[in-house]
Amino acid sequence: METISHYEGSQSSESSPESKVQILRQRLSVFYKKKGARAAYEYVTIFARTLQERYPQCREYRLYHLLIGSTPMGECNYFDFDNEDSIEKFINTLV
């Protein structure tokens, strides 16, 4: 589980958390266009529900908000999940 401050303190501006969010948002958009909105939504929702079941605090993760299309209510404490639960990895497999 990586915190956003970890990313901000050790990454260049091109790979800052919000830069990564923008790139991943574009990839999600491409997936939705290729797959069709309804089918893409259903596919993404399955993964999002799995994360909700495993991590009750999932709304504290910035990429979870990107995945479900919501805006964080405040600053997120974490950026992404680890290993097979990584949203970044999940999105990168879509396109």
C-alpha atoms as a PDB file:
ATOM      1  CA  MET A   1       0.000   0.000   0.000  1.00  0.00           C
ATOM      2  CA  GLU A   2       1.736   3.150  -1.177  1.00  0.00           C
ATOM      3  CA  THR A   3       0.851   6.556   0.144  1.00  0.00           C
ATOM      4  CA  ILE A   4       0.556   9.590  -2.059  1.00  0.00           C
ATOM      5  CA  SER A   5       3.269  11.367  -0.086  1.00  0.00           C
ATOM      6  CA  HIS A   6       5.605   8.489  -0.977  1.00  0.00           C
ATOM      7  CA  TYR A   7       5.008   9.226  -4.653  1.00  0.00           C
ATOM      8  CA  GLU A   8       5.294  12.995  -4.294  1.00  0.00           C
ATOM      9  CA  GLY A   9       8.556  12.815  -2.436  1.00  0.00           C
ATOM     10  CA  SER A  10      10.345  10.444  -4.769  1.00  0.00           C
ATOM     11  CA  GLN A  11       8.998  10.896  -8.294  1.00  0.00           C
ATOM     12  CA  SER A  12       9.638  13.449 -10.997  1.00  0.00           C
ATOM     13  CA  SER A  13       6.830  15.752 -12.102  1.00  0.00           C
ATOM     14  CA  GLU A  14       6.057  13.566 -15.151  1.00  0.00           C
ATOM     15  CA  SER A  15       5.195  10.665 -12.881  1.00  0.00           C
ATOM     16  CA  SER A  16       3.580  12.612 -10.067  1.00  0.00           C
ATOM     17  CA  PRO A  17       0.397  11.104  -8.677  1.00  0.00           C
ATOM     18  CA  GLU A  18      -1.871  13.433 -10.646  1.00  0.00           C
ATOM     19  CA  SER A  19       0.121  12.875 -13.840  1.00  0.00           C
ATOM     20  CA  LYS A  20      -0.394   9.153 -13.384  1.00  0.00           C
ATOM     21  CA  VAL A  21      -4.092   9.741 -12.739  1.00  0.00           C
ATOM     22  CA  GLN A  22      -4.391  11.646 -16.024  1.00  0.00           C
ATOM     23  CA  ILE A  23      -2.640   8.904 -18.001  1.00  0.00           C
ATOM     24  CA  LEU A  24      -4.755   6.195 -16.397  1.00  0.00           C
ATOM     25  CA  ARG A  25      -7.928   8.237 -16.981  1.00  0.00           C
ATOM     26  CA  GLN A  26      -7.080   8.379 -20.685  1.00  0.00           C
ATOM     27  CA  ARG A  27      -6.511   4.620 -20.774  1.00  0.00           C
ATOM     28  CA  LEU A  28      -9.845   3.999 -19.083  1.00  0.00           C
ATOM     29  CA  SER A  29     -11.515   6.268 -21.616  1.00  0.00           C
ATOM     30  CA  VAL A  30      -9.983   4.303 -24.498  1.00  0.00           C
ATOM     31  CA  PHE A  31     -11.214   1.070 -22.912  1.00  0.00           C
ATOM     32  CA  TYR A  32     -14.753   2.438 -22.548  1.00  0.00           C
ATOM     33  CA  LYS A  33     -14.780   3.541 -26.190  1.00  0.00           C
ATOM     34  CA  LYS A  34     -13.419   0.217 -27.477  1.00  0.00           C
ATOM     35  CA  LYS A  35     -15.584  -2.025 -25.336  1.00  0.00           C
ATOM     36  CA  GLY A  36     -18.736   0.080 -25.222  1.00  0.00           C
ATOM     37  CA  ALA A  37     -19.865   1.996 -22.154  1.00  0.00           C
ATOM     38  CA  ARG A  38     -22.153  -0.620 -20.657  1.00  0.00           C
ATOM     39  CA  ALA A  39     -19.817  -3.598 -21.111  1.00  0.00           C
ATOM     40  CA  ALA A  40     -16.812  -1.623 -19.861  1.00  0.00           C
ATOM     41  CA  TYR A  41     -18.746  -0.372 -16.841  1.00  0.00           C
ATOM     42  CA  GLU A  42     -19.820  -3.898 -15.918  1.00  0.00           C
ATOM     43  CA  TYR A  43     -16.262  -5.213 -16.259  1.00  0.00           C
ATOM     44  CA  VAL A  44     -14.745  -2.412 -14.169  1.00  0.00           C
ATOM     45  CA  THR A  45     -17.502  -2.703 -11.567  1.00  0.00           C
ATOM     46  CA  ILE A  46     -16.650  -6.349 -10.891  1.00  0.00           C
ATOM     47  CA  PHE A  47     -13.086  -5.358 -10.008  1.00  0.00           C
ATOM     48  CA  ALA A  48     -14.254  -2.362  -7.951  1.00  0.00           C
ATOM     49  CA  ARG A  49     -16.644  -4.544  -5.925  1.00  0.00           C
ATOM     50  CA  THR A  50     -13.859  -7.006  -5.237  1.00  0.00           C
ATOM     51  CA  LEU A  51     -11.749  -4.166  -3.859  1.00  0.00           C
ATOM     52  CA  GLN A  52     -14.665  -2.924  -1.730  1.00  0.00           C
ATOM     53  CA  GLU A  53     -15.024  -6.369  -0.184  1.00  0.00           C
ATOM     54  CA  ARG A  54     -11.305  -6.691   0.551  1.00  0.00           C
ATOM     55  CA  TYR A  55     -10.699  -3.114   1.657  1.00  0.00           C
ATOM     56  CA  PRO A  56     -13.490  -1.377   3.582  1.00  0.00           C
ATOM     57  CA  GLN A  57     -11.330   1.780   3.527  1.00  0.00           C
ATOM     58  CA  CYS A  58     -11.066   1.729  -0.303  1.00  0.00           C
ATOM     59  CA  ARG A  59     -12.336   5.322  -0.589  1.00  0.00           C
ATOM     60  CA  GLU A  60      -9.045   6.453   0.971  1.00  0.00           C
ATOM     61  CA  TYR A  61      -7.254   5.434  -2.261  1.00  0.00           C
ATOM     62  CA  ARG A  62      -6.913   7.954  -5.088  1.00  0.00           C
ATOM     63  CA  LEU A  63      -7.019   5.395  -7.886  1.00  0.00           C
ATOM     64  CA  TYR A  64     -10.151   3.799  -6.477  1.00  0.00           C
ATOM     65  CA  HIS A  65     -11.948   7.088  -7.120  1.00  0.00           C
ATOM     66  CA  LEU A  66     -10.628   7.129 -10.668  1.00  0.00           C
ATOM     67  CA  LEU A  67     -11.812   3.570 -11.199  1.00  0.00           C
ATOM     68  CA  ILE A  68     -15.370   4.227 -10.052  1.00  0.00           C
ATOM     69  CA  GLY A  69     -15.569   7.695 -11.589  1.00  0.00           C
ATOM     70  CA  SER A  70     -15.954   9.611  -8.351  1.00  0.00           C
ATOM     71  CA  THR A  71     -14.243  12.615  -6.856  1.00  0.00           C
ATOM     72  CA  PRO A  72     -12.529  12.226  -3.486  1.00  0.00           C
ATOM     73  CA  MET A  73     -14.228  14.185  -0.696  1.00  0.00           C
ATOM     74  CA  GLY A  74     -10.825  15.346   0.493  1.00  0.00           C
ATOM     75  CA  GLU A  75      -7.220  14.344   0.227  1.00  0.00           C
ATOM     76  CA  CYS A  76      -6.685  10.599  -0.125  1.00  0.00           C
ATOM     77  CA  ASN A  77      -4.237   8.922   2.236  1.00  0.00           C
ATOM     78  CA  TYR A  78      -3.147   6.323  -0.303  1.00  0.00           C
ATOM     79  CA  PHE A  79      -2.600   6.121  -4.041  1.00  0.00           C
ATOM     80  CA  ASP A  80      -2.998   2.480  -5.103  1.00  0.00           C
ATOM     81  CA  PHE A  81      -3.315  -1.042  -3.753  1.00  0.00           C
ATOM     82  CA  ASP A  82      -0.500  -3.574  -3.890  1.00  0.00           C
ATOM     83  CA  ASN A  83       0.109  -6.595  -6.107  1.00  0.00           C
ATOM     84  CA  GLU A  84      -2.930  -8.197  -7.762  1.00  0.00           C
ATOM     85  CA  ASP A  85      -5.176  -5.488  -6.317  1.00  0.00           C
ATOM     86  CA  SER A  86      -3.282  -2.668  -8.027  1.00  0.00           C
ATOM     87  CA  ILE A  87      -5.692  -0.465  -9.949  1.00  0.00           C
ATOM     88  CA  GLU A  88      -2.853   0.885 -12.079  1.00  0.00           C
ATOM     89  CA  LYS A  89      -1.971  -2.653 -13.184  1.00  0.00           C
ATOM     90  CA  PHE A  90      -5.640  -3.450 -13.786  1.00  0.00           C
ATOM     91  CA  ILE A  91      -6.146  -0.407 -16.014  1.00  0.00           C
ATOM     92  CA  ASN A  92      -2.937  -1.098 -17.918  1.00  0.00           C
ATOM     93  CA  THR A  93      -4.209  -4.577 -18.794  1.00  0.00           C
ATOM     94  CA  LEU A  94      -7.379  -3.130 -20.322  1.00  0.00           C
ATOM     95  CA  VAL A  95      -5.709  -1.435 -23.280  1.00  0.00           C
END
